[in-house]
Amino acid sequence: MNSLESTKYRNTLEAGGVPPAQALAHADALGEVLENIPTKDWVRAEIQALKFDMLKWMISLFLAQTSVAIGAVVVLIRYLPH
C-alpha cells in the first residue's frame, strides 16, 4: 500500500471515530499484509514449476511400472511350464 492510500485509509478510520494512534497502527498493519500478497507472475511461475515436477514424477512412475510389468512377464515366461 503506498503512502497516499495509507494516509487516505488512516483518515477514513479517524473520520469514523477511531483514535489516531489506532488508525495509524491499522494502516501500517494493512500495508504490511498487502505487501506480502503474491503477484500473478509469481503464482504462474510456481504453477509452472509444479507442472514440471508432476511431469517428472509421472514419467518416473510410468518407467517404474513398465519395468515391473516387463519383469513379471519375463518371470512368467521363464518359470511357467512349456
Protein backbone atom coordinates (compact mmCIF):
# COMPACT_ATOMS: atom_id res chain seq x y z
CA MET A 1 0.00 0.00 0.00
CA ASN A 2 1.57 3.30 -0.98
CA SER A 3 1.71 6.25 1.39
CA LEU A 4 -1.21 8.08 -0.27
CA GLU A 5 -3.52 5.08 0.13
CA SER A 6 -2.25 4.59 3.69
CA THR A 7 -2.99 8.20 4.57
CA LYS A 8 -6.44 8.05 2.99
CA TYR A 9 -7.21 4.81 4.88
CA ARG A 10 -5.97 6.33 8.14
CA ASN A 11 -8.04 9.49 7.58
CA THR A 12 -11.12 7.39 6.83
CA LEU A 13 -10.65 5.48 10.08
CA GLU A 14 -10.14 8.70 12.04
CA ALA A 15 -13.26 10.21 10.47
CA GLY A 16 -15.15 7.15 11.65
CA GLY A 17 -14.11 7.78 15.23
CA VAL A 18 -11.01 5.60 15.54
CA PRO A 19 -8.26 7.20 17.66
CA PRO A 20 -5.31 8.48 15.55
CA ALA A 21 -2.74 6.08 17.07
CA GLN A 22 -5.00 3.11 16.46
CA ALA A 23 -5.80 4.28 12.90
CA LEU A 24 -2.07 4.55 12.17
CA ALA A 25 -1.48 1.04 13.53
CA HIS A 26 -4.30 -0.32 11.37
CA ALA A 27 -2.94 1.41 8.27
CA ASP A 28 0.58 0.09 8.91
CA ALA A 29 -0.67 -3.44 9.52
CA LEU A 30 -2.78 -3.42 6.38
CA GLY A 31 0.16 -2.08 4.38
CA GLU A 32 2.36 -4.96 5.55
CA VAL A 33 -0.29 -7.52 4.66
CA LEU A 34 -0.81 -6.06 1.20
CA GLU A 35 2.93 -6.05 0.51
CA ASN A 36 3.09 -9.81 1.09
CA ILE A 37 0.31 -10.77 -1.32
CA PRO A 38 1.78 -12.78 -4.20
CA THR A 39 1.62 -11.37 -7.71
CA LYS A 40 0.12 -13.11 -10.72
CA ASP A 41 3.59 -13.63 -12.19
CA TRP A 42 4.80 -15.33 -9.01
CA VAL A 43 1.75 -17.62 -8.94
CA ARG A 44 2.21 -18.51 -12.61
CA ALA A 45 5.88 -19.33 -12.05
CA GLU A 46 5.02 -21.55 -9.08
CA ILE A 47 2.32 -23.37 -11.06
CA GLN A 48 4.75 -23.89 -13.94
CA ALA A 49 7.33 -25.35 -11.56
CA LEU A 50 4.71 -27.66 -10.05
CA LYS A 51 3.62 -28.82 -13.50
CA PHE A 52 7.23 -29.68 -14.32
CA ASP A 53 7.62 -31.60 -11.03
CA MET A 54 4.40 -33.51 -11.67
CA LEU A 55 5.57 -34.43 -15.16
CA LYS A 56 8.90 -35.72 -13.79
CA TRP A 57 7.07 -37.89 -11.25
CA MET A 58 4.61 -39.19 -13.82
CA ILE A 59 7.40 -40.20 -16.20
CA SER A 60 9.39 -41.82 -13.38
CA LEU A 61 6.38 -43.79 -12.18
CA PHE A 62 5.49 -44.82 -15.73
CA LEU A 63 9.02 -46.17 -16.25
CA ALA A 64 8.93 -48.00 -12.91
CA GLN A 65 5.54 -49.52 -13.69
CA THR A 66 6.71 -50.61 -17.13
CA SER A 67 9.84 -52.18 -15.64
CA VAL A 68 7.78 -54.14 -13.12
CA ALA A 69 5.39 -55.31 -15.83
CA ILE A 70 8.23 -56.43 -18.11
CA GLY A 71 9.91 -58.18 -15.19
CA ALA A 72 6.68 -60.00 -14.35
CA VAL A 73 6.27 -61.16 -17.95
CA VAL A 74 9.89 -62.40 -18.05
CA VAL A 75 9.38 -64.33 -14.79
CA LEU A 76 6.15 -65.87 -16.09
CA ILE A 77 7.78 -66.90 -19.37
CA ARG A 78 10.84 -68.34 -17.66
CA TYR A 79 9.15 -70.28 -14.85
CA LEU A 80 5.88 -71.43 -16.37
CA PRO A 81 5.99 -74.92 -17.83
CA HIS A 82 6.23 -75.00 -21.59
